Structures are given as C-alpha cells and as structure tokens.
All heavy atoms as atom14 arrays in JSON, in Angstrom:
{
  "sequence": "GSYTKSERDVLYCVVAKSELIRLKNLVTTVDPH",
  "atom14_mask": [
    [1, 1, 1, 1, 0, 0, 0, 0, 0, 0, 0, 0, 0, 0],
    [1, 1, 1, 1, 1, 1, 0, 0, 0, 0, 0, 0, 0, 0],
    [1, 1, 1, 1, 1, 1, 1, 1, 1, 1, 1, 1, 0, 0],
    [1, 1, 1, 1, 1, 1, 1, 0, 0, 0, 0, 0, 0, 0],
    [1, 1, 1, 1, 1, 1, 1, 1, 1, 0, 0, 0, 0, 0],
    [1, 1, 1, 1, 1, 1, 0, 0, 0, 0, 0, 0, 0, 0],
    [1, 1, 1, 1, 1, 1, 1, 1, 1, 0, 0, 0, 0, 0],
    [1, 1, 1, 1, 1, 1, 1, 1, 1, 1, 1, 0, 0, 0],
    [1, 1, 1, 1, 1, 1, 1, 1, 0, 0, 0, 0, 0, 0],
    [1, 1, 1, 1, 1, 1, 1, 0, 0, 0, 0, 0, 0, 0],
    [1, 1, 1, 1, 1, 1, 1, 1, 0, 0, 0, 0, 0, 0],
    [1, 1, 1, 1, 1, 1, 1, 1, 1, 1, 1, 1, 0, 0],
    [1, 1, 1, 1, 1, 1, 0, 0, 0, 0, 0, 0, 0, 0],
    [1, 1, 1, 1, 1, 1, 1, 0, 0, 0, 0, 0, 0, 0],
    [1, 1, 1, 1, 1, 1, 1, 0, 0, 0, 0, 0, 0, 0],
    [1, 1, 1, 1, 1, 0, 0, 0, 0, 0, 0, 0, 0, 0],
    [1, 1, 1, 1, 1, 1, 1, 1, 1, 0, 0, 0, 0, 0],
    [1, 1, 1, 1, 1, 1, 0, 0, 0, 0, 0, 0, 0, 0],
    [1, 1, 1, 1, 1, 1, 1, 1, 1, 0, 0, 0, 0, 0],
    [1, 1, 1, 1, 1, 1, 1, 1, 0, 0, 0, 0, 0, 0],
    [1, 1, 1, 1, 1, 1, 1, 1, 0, 0, 0, 0, 0, 0],
    [1, 1, 1, 1, 1, 1, 1, 1, 1, 1, 1, 0, 0, 0],
    [1, 1, 1, 1, 1, 1, 1, 1, 0, 0, 0, 0, 0, 0],
    [1, 1, 1, 1, 1, 1, 1, 1, 1, 0, 0, 0, 0, 0],
    [1, 1, 1, 1, 1, 1, 1, 1, 0, 0, 0, 0, 0, 0],
    [1, 1, 1, 1, 1, 1, 1, 1, 0, 0, 0, 0, 0, 0],
    [1, 1, 1, 1, 1, 1, 1, 0, 0, 0, 0, 0, 0, 0],
    [1, 1, 1, 1, 1, 1, 1, 0, 0, 0, 0, 0, 0, 0],
    [1, 1, 1, 1, 1, 1, 1, 0, 0, 0, 0, 0, 0, 0],
    [1, 1, 1, 1, 1, 1, 1, 0, 0, 0, 0, 0, 0, 0],
    [1, 1, 1, 1, 1, 1, 1, 1, 0, 0, 0, 0, 0, 0],
    [1, 1, 1, 1, 1, 1, 1, 0, 0, 0, 0, 0, 0, 0],
    [1, 1, 1, 1, 1, 1, 1, 1, 1, 1, 0, 0, 0, 0]
  ],
  "atom14_positions": [
    [[208.1, 237.92, 50.2], [208.49, 236.61, 49.74], [208.24, 235.54, 50.79], [208.83, 235.58, 51.87], [0.0, 0.0, 0.0], [0.0, 0.0, 0.0], [0.0, 0.0, 0.0], [0.0, 0.0, 0.0], [0.0, 0.0, 0.0], [0.0, 0.0, 0.0], [0.0, 0.0, 0.0], [0.0, 0.0, 0.0], [0.0, 0.0, 0.0], [0.0, 0.0, 0.0]],
    [[207.35, 234.62, 50.48], [207.01, 233.57, 51.45], [208.21, 232.67, 51.73], [208.38, 232.15, 52.85], [205.86, 232.72, 50.95], [204.68, 233.5, 50.86], [0.0, 0.0, 0.0], [0.0, 0.0, 0.0], [0.0, 0.0, 0.0], [0.0, 0.0, 0.0], [0.0, 0.0, 0.0], [0.0, 0.0, 0.0], [0.0, 0.0, 0.0], [0.0, 0.0, 0.0]],
    [[209.07, 232.46, 50.73], [210.23, 231.59, 50.92], [211.35, 232.33, 51.64], [211.95, 231.83, 52.6], [210.71, 231.08, 49.57], [211.91, 230.18, 49.66], [211.79, 228.86, 50.09], [213.19, 230.65, 49.31], [212.9, 228.03, 50.2], [214.3, 229.82, 49.39], [214.14, 228.52, 49.84], [215.25, 227.7, 49.94], [0.0, 0.0, 0.0], [0.0, 0.0, 0.0]],
    [[211.64, 233.56, 51.17], [212.76, 234.32, 51.75], [212.36, 235.03, 53.06], [213.24, 235.46, 53.81], [213.26, 235.38, 50.77], [212.18, 236.31, 50.48], [213.73, 234.74, 49.46], [0.0, 0.0, 0.0], [0.0, 0.0, 0.0], [0.0, 0.0, 0.0], [0.0, 0.0, 0.0], [0.0, 0.0, 0.0], [0.0, 0.0, 0.0], [0.0, 0.0, 0.0]],
    [[211.05, 235.15, 53.3], [210.55, 235.85, 54.5], [211.01, 237.31, 54.54], [211.25, 237.86, 55.59], [210.99, 235.14, 55.8], [210.67, 233.66, 55.86], [209.18, 233.41, 55.8], [208.87, 231.92, 55.92], [207.42, 231.62, 55.75], [0.0, 0.0, 0.0], [0.0, 0.0, 0.0], [0.0, 0.0, 0.0], [0.0, 0.0, 0.0], [0.0, 0.0, 0.0]],
    [[211.12, 237.91, 53.37], [211.56, 239.31, 53.32], [210.67, 240.11, 52.38], [210.07, 239.57, 51.45], [213.02, 239.39, 52.82], [213.11, 238.83, 51.51], [0.0, 0.0, 0.0], [0.0, 0.0, 0.0], [0.0, 0.0, 0.0], [0.0, 0.0, 0.0], [0.0, 0.0, 0.0], [0.0, 0.0, 0.0], [0.0, 0.0, 0.0], [0.0, 0.0, 0.0]],
    [[210.59, 241.43, 52.68], [209.8, 242.32, 51.83], [210.65, 242.78, 50.65], [211.84, 242.98, 50.76], [209.33, 243.54, 52.63], [208.24, 243.21, 53.65], [207.64, 244.47, 54.26], [208.13, 245.57, 53.91], [206.69, 244.34, 55.04], [0.0, 0.0, 0.0], [0.0, 0.0, 0.0], [0.0, 0.0, 0.0], [0.0, 0.0, 0.0], [0.0, 0.0, 0.0]],
    [[209.96, 242.94, 49.51], [210.66, 243.46, 48.34], [209.64, 244.08, 47.41], [208.45, 243.78, 47.48], [211.42, 242.34, 47.64], [210.54, 241.27, 47.06], [211.34, 240.04, 46.64], [212.51, 240.4, 45.85], [213.48, 239.55, 45.57], [213.44, 238.3, 46.03], [214.49, 239.91, 44.82], [0.0, 0.0, 0.0], [0.0, 0.0, 0.0], [0.0, 0.0, 0.0]],
    [[210.14, 244.96, 46.55], [209.26, 245.6, 45.57], [209.02, 244.68, 44.37], [209.9, 243.94, 43.94], [209.88, 246.91, 45.06], [209.78, 248.03, 46.09], [208.96, 247.89, 47.03], [210.51, 249.02, 45.96], [0.0, 0.0, 0.0], [0.0, 0.0, 0.0], [0.0, 0.0, 0.0], [0.0, 0.0, 0.0], [0.0, 0.0, 0.0], [0.0, 0.0, 0.0]],
    [[207.79, 244.74, 43.87], [207.43, 244.04, 42.63], [207.07, 245.13, 41.62], [206.19, 245.96, 41.88], [206.24, 243.08, 42.83], [205.87, 242.43, 41.5], [206.57, 242.04, 43.88], [0.0, 0.0, 0.0], [0.0, 0.0, 0.0], [0.0, 0.0, 0.0], [0.0, 0.0, 0.0], [0.0, 0.0, 0.0], [0.0, 0.0, 0.0], [0.0, 0.0, 0.0]],
    [[207.75, 245.15, 40.48], [207.48, 246.18, 39.46], [206.33, 245.72, 38.57], [206.23, 244.54, 38.2], [208.72, 246.42, 38.61], [209.99, 246.86, 39.34], [211.12, 247.07, 38.34], [209.76, 248.12, 40.16], [0.0, 0.0, 0.0], [0.0, 0.0, 0.0], [0.0, 0.0, 0.0], [0.0, 0.0, 0.0], [0.0, 0.0, 0.0], [0.0, 0.0, 0.0]],
    [[205.48, 246.7, 38.22], [204.36, 246.39, 37.31], [204.31, 247.46, 36.24], [204.38, 248.67, 36.53], [203.03, 246.35, 38.05], [201.85, 246.07, 37.14], [201.65, 244.8, 36.61], [200.97, 247.09, 36.78], [200.59, 244.53, 35.79], [199.89, 246.82, 35.93], [199.71, 245.54, 35.43], [198.66, 245.29, 34.58], [0.0, 0.0, 0.0], [0.0, 0.0, 0.0]],
    [[204.25, 247.04, 34.99], [204.08, 248.0, 33.89], [203.25, 247.37, 32.79], [203.16, 246.14, 32.66], [205.44, 248.48, 33.36], [206.37, 247.22, 32.5], [0.0, 0.0, 0.0], [0.0, 0.0, 0.0], [0.0, 0.0, 0.0], [0.0, 0.0, 0.0], [0.0, 0.0, 0.0], [0.0, 0.0, 0.0], [0.0, 0.0, 0.0], [0.0, 0.0, 0.0]],
    [[202.65, 248.22, 31.99], [201.82, 247.79, 30.88], [202.43, 248.33, 29.6], [202.76, 249.52, 29.51], [200.36, 248.3, 31.02], [199.53, 247.88, 29.81], [199.73, 247.76, 32.3], [0.0, 0.0, 0.0], [0.0, 0.0, 0.0], [0.0, 0.0, 0.0], [0.0, 0.0, 0.0], [0.0, 0.0, 0.0], [0.0, 0.0, 0.0], [0.0, 0.0, 0.0]],
    [[202.6, 247.45, 28.61], [203.18, 247.85, 27.33], [202.31, 247.34, 26.2], [201.48, 246.44, 26.39], [204.61, 247.3, 27.17], [205.52, 247.84, 28.25], [204.62, 245.78, 27.17], [0.0, 0.0, 0.0], [0.0, 0.0, 0.0], [0.0, 0.0, 0.0], [0.0, 0.0, 0.0], [0.0, 0.0, 0.0], [0.0, 0.0, 0.0], [0.0, 0.0, 0.0]],
    [[202.5, 247.91, 25.03], [201.81, 247.41, 23.84], [202.34, 246.02, 23.5], [203.49, 245.69, 23.83], [202.01, 248.35, 22.66], [0.0, 0.0, 0.0], [0.0, 0.0, 0.0], [0.0, 0.0, 0.0], [0.0, 0.0, 0.0], [0.0, 0.0, 0.0], [0.0, 0.0, 0.0], [0.0, 0.0, 0.0], [0.0, 0.0, 0.0], [0.0, 0.0, 0.0]],
    [[201.51, 245.21, 22.85], [201.92, 243.85, 22.5], [203.2, 243.85, 21.66], [204.06, 242.99, 21.84], [200.78, 243.17, 21.74], [201.03, 241.7, 21.42], [199.75, 241.01, 20.98], [199.13, 241.63, 19.75], [197.95, 240.87, 19.26], [0.0, 0.0, 0.0], [0.0, 0.0, 0.0], [0.0, 0.0, 0.0], [0.0, 0.0, 0.0], [0.0, 0.0, 0.0]],
    [[203.32, 244.84, 20.79], [204.5, 244.92, 19.91], [205.76, 245.28, 20.69], [206.87, 245.12, 20.16], [204.26, 245.96, 18.81], [203.99, 247.23, 19.38], [0.0, 0.0, 0.0], [0.0, 0.0, 0.0], [0.0, 0.0, 0.0], [0.0, 0.0, 0.0], [0.0, 0.0, 0.0], [0.0, 0.0, 0.0], [0.0, 0.0, 0.0], [0.0, 0.0, 0.0]],
    [[205.63, 245.78, 21.91], [206.78, 246.19, 22.72], [207.25, 245.1, 23.68], [208.22, 245.28, 24.42], [206.45, 247.44, 23.54], [206.11, 248.66, 22.72], [205.66, 249.83, 23.6], [204.78, 249.63, 24.46], [206.22, 250.95, 23.41], [0.0, 0.0, 0.0], [0.0, 0.0, 0.0], [0.0, 0.0, 0.0], [0.0, 0.0, 0.0], [0.0, 0.0, 0.0]],
    [[206.56, 243.96, 23.69], [206.82, 242.93, 24.68], [208.24, 242.37, 24.59], [208.93, 242.23, 25.61], [205.79, 241.81, 24.57], [205.88, 240.7, 25.6], [205.74, 241.25, 26.99], [204.8, 239.64, 25.34], [0.0, 0.0, 0.0], [0.0, 0.0, 0.0], [0.0, 0.0, 0.0], [0.0, 0.0, 0.0], [0.0, 0.0, 0.0], [0.0, 0.0, 0.0]],
    [[208.69, 242.02, 23.38], [210.05, 241.48, 23.2], [211.09, 242.47, 23.66], [212.08, 242.11, 24.33], [210.29, 241.09, 21.73], [209.29, 240.01, 21.27], [211.72, 240.6, 21.53], [209.38, 238.74, 22.08], [0.0, 0.0, 0.0], [0.0, 0.0, 0.0], [0.0, 0.0, 0.0], [0.0, 0.0, 0.0], [0.0, 0.0, 0.0], [0.0, 0.0, 0.0]],
    [[210.87, 243.74, 23.33], [211.82, 244.79, 23.74], [211.89, 244.87, 25.27], [212.96, 245.03, 25.85], [211.37, 246.13, 23.16], [212.36, 247.26, 23.4], [211.85, 248.56, 22.82], [212.71, 249.66, 23.16], [212.37, 250.95, 23.05], [211.18, 251.26, 22.57], [213.23, 251.91, 23.39], [0.0, 0.0, 0.0], [0.0, 0.0, 0.0], [0.0, 0.0, 0.0]],
    [[210.72, 244.77, 25.94], [210.69, 244.82, 27.41], [211.47, 243.63, 28.0], [212.28, 243.8, 28.91], [209.25, 244.78, 27.88], [209.06, 244.68, 29.41], [209.5, 245.96, 30.09], [207.61, 244.38, 29.77], [0.0, 0.0, 0.0], [0.0, 0.0, 0.0], [0.0, 0.0, 0.0], [0.0, 0.0, 0.0], [0.0, 0.0, 0.0], [0.0, 0.0, 0.0]],
    [[211.23, 242.43, 27.47], [211.94, 241.25, 27.99], [213.44, 241.39, 27.83], [214.22, 241.08, 28.74], [211.45, 240.0, 27.26], [210.04, 239.56, 27.58], [209.7, 238.3, 26.76], [208.28, 237.83, 27.01], [207.94, 236.66, 26.19], [0.0, 0.0, 0.0], [0.0, 0.0, 0.0], [0.0, 0.0, 0.0], [0.0, 0.0, 0.0], [0.0, 0.0, 0.0]],
    [[213.86, 241.84, 26.63], [215.29, 242.01, 26.4], [215.91, 243.04, 27.33], [217.02, 242.85, 27.82], [215.54, 242.43, 24.93], [215.21, 241.3, 23.96], [215.21, 240.13, 24.33], [214.95, 241.65, 22.71], [0.0, 0.0, 0.0], [0.0, 0.0, 0.0], [0.0, 0.0, 0.0], [0.0, 0.0, 0.0], [0.0, 0.0, 0.0], [0.0, 0.0, 0.0]],
    [[215.16, 244.11, 27.56], [215.67, 245.18, 28.44], [215.86, 244.65, 29.85], [216.87, 244.9, 30.51], [214.7, 246.37, 28.4], [215.11, 247.65, 29.13], [214.48, 248.85, 28.43], [214.67, 247.62, 30.58], [0.0, 0.0, 0.0], [0.0, 0.0, 0.0], [0.0, 0.0, 0.0], [0.0, 0.0, 0.0], [0.0, 0.0, 0.0], [0.0, 0.0, 0.0]],
    [[214.86, 243.91, 30.36], [214.93, 243.38, 31.73], [216.08, 242.4, 31.87], [216.87, 242.47, 32.83], [213.61, 242.72, 32.12], [213.74, 242.02, 33.49], [212.5, 243.74, 32.19], [0.0, 0.0, 0.0], [0.0, 0.0, 0.0], [0.0, 0.0, 0.0], [0.0, 0.0, 0.0], [0.0, 0.0, 0.0], [0.0, 0.0, 0.0], [0.0, 0.0, 0.0]],
    [[216.2, 241.47, 30.9], [217.26, 240.45, 31.02], [218.66, 241.05, 30.84], [219.63, 240.51, 31.36], [217.04, 239.32, 29.99], [216.91, 239.9, 28.67], [215.8, 238.52, 30.31], [0.0, 0.0, 0.0], [0.0, 0.0, 0.0], [0.0, 0.0, 0.0], [0.0, 0.0, 0.0], [0.0, 0.0, 0.0], [0.0, 0.0, 0.0], [0.0, 0.0, 0.0]],
    [[218.73, 242.16, 30.11], [220.04, 242.84, 29.95], [220.5, 243.41, 31.29], [221.67, 243.32, 31.64], [219.93, 243.99, 28.93], [219.55, 243.46, 27.66], [221.24, 244.73, 28.81], [0.0, 0.0, 0.0], [0.0, 0.0, 0.0], [0.0, 0.0, 0.0], [0.0, 0.0, 0.0], [0.0, 0.0, 0.0], [0.0, 0.0, 0.0], [0.0, 0.0, 0.0]],
    [[219.57, 243.96, 32.05], [219.89, 244.54, 33.37], [220.08, 243.42, 34.4], [221.01, 243.44, 35.2], [218.79, 245.51, 33.82], [219.08, 246.03, 35.24], [218.65, 246.66, 32.84], [0.0, 0.0, 0.0], [0.0, 0.0, 0.0], [0.0, 0.0, 0.0], [0.0, 0.0, 0.0], [0.0, 0.0, 0.0], [0.0, 0.0, 0.0], [0.0, 0.0, 0.0]],
    [[219.16, 242.46, 34.4], [219.21, 241.38, 35.38], [218.79, 240.07, 34.74], [217.59, 239.79, 34.62], [218.29, 241.71, 36.58], [218.37, 240.66, 37.67], [219.17, 239.7, 37.52], [217.6, 240.77, 38.64], [0.0, 0.0, 0.0], [0.0, 0.0, 0.0], [0.0, 0.0, 0.0], [0.0, 0.0, 0.0], [0.0, 0.0, 0.0], [0.0, 0.0, 0.0]],
    [[219.75, 239.25, 34.31], [219.42, 237.98, 33.65], [218.65, 237.01, 34.55], [218.02, 236.07, 34.06], [220.79, 237.39, 33.3], [221.75, 238.55, 33.36], [221.19, 239.47, 34.4], [0.0, 0.0, 0.0], [0.0, 0.0, 0.0], [0.0, 0.0, 0.0], [0.0, 0.0, 0.0], [0.0, 0.0, 0.0], [0.0, 0.0, 0.0], [0.0, 0.0, 0.0]],
    [[218.67, 237.23, 35.86], [218.02, 236.34, 36.79], [216.65, 236.86, 37.27], [216.04, 236.28, 38.17], [218.9, 236.1, 38.01], [220.27, 235.59, 37.67], [220.48, 234.32, 37.17], [221.5, 236.19, 37.71], [221.78, 234.15, 36.93], [222.42, 235.26, 37.26], [0.0, 0.0, 0.0], [0.0, 0.0, 0.0], [0.0, 0.0, 0.0], [0.0, 0.0, 0.0]]
  ]
}
C-alpha cells in the first residue's frame, strides 16, 4: 500500500458472469469495507 506503507495480500479470483452478484454479496457480508 503506497498510502499505508505496509504490505498486504490482494485476493484474486475468477468467476462466471452469472456468479458476480453472489461474489459481491459474499464479500460485503464478511467485510462491508
């Protein structure tokens, strides 16, 4: 992070187009921020 000056993991995954809403909802359920 250039602003925080700290290392962190960035998650990457590939999903079908039809699964995109489900992925967004899942992520925001765990971490709204």
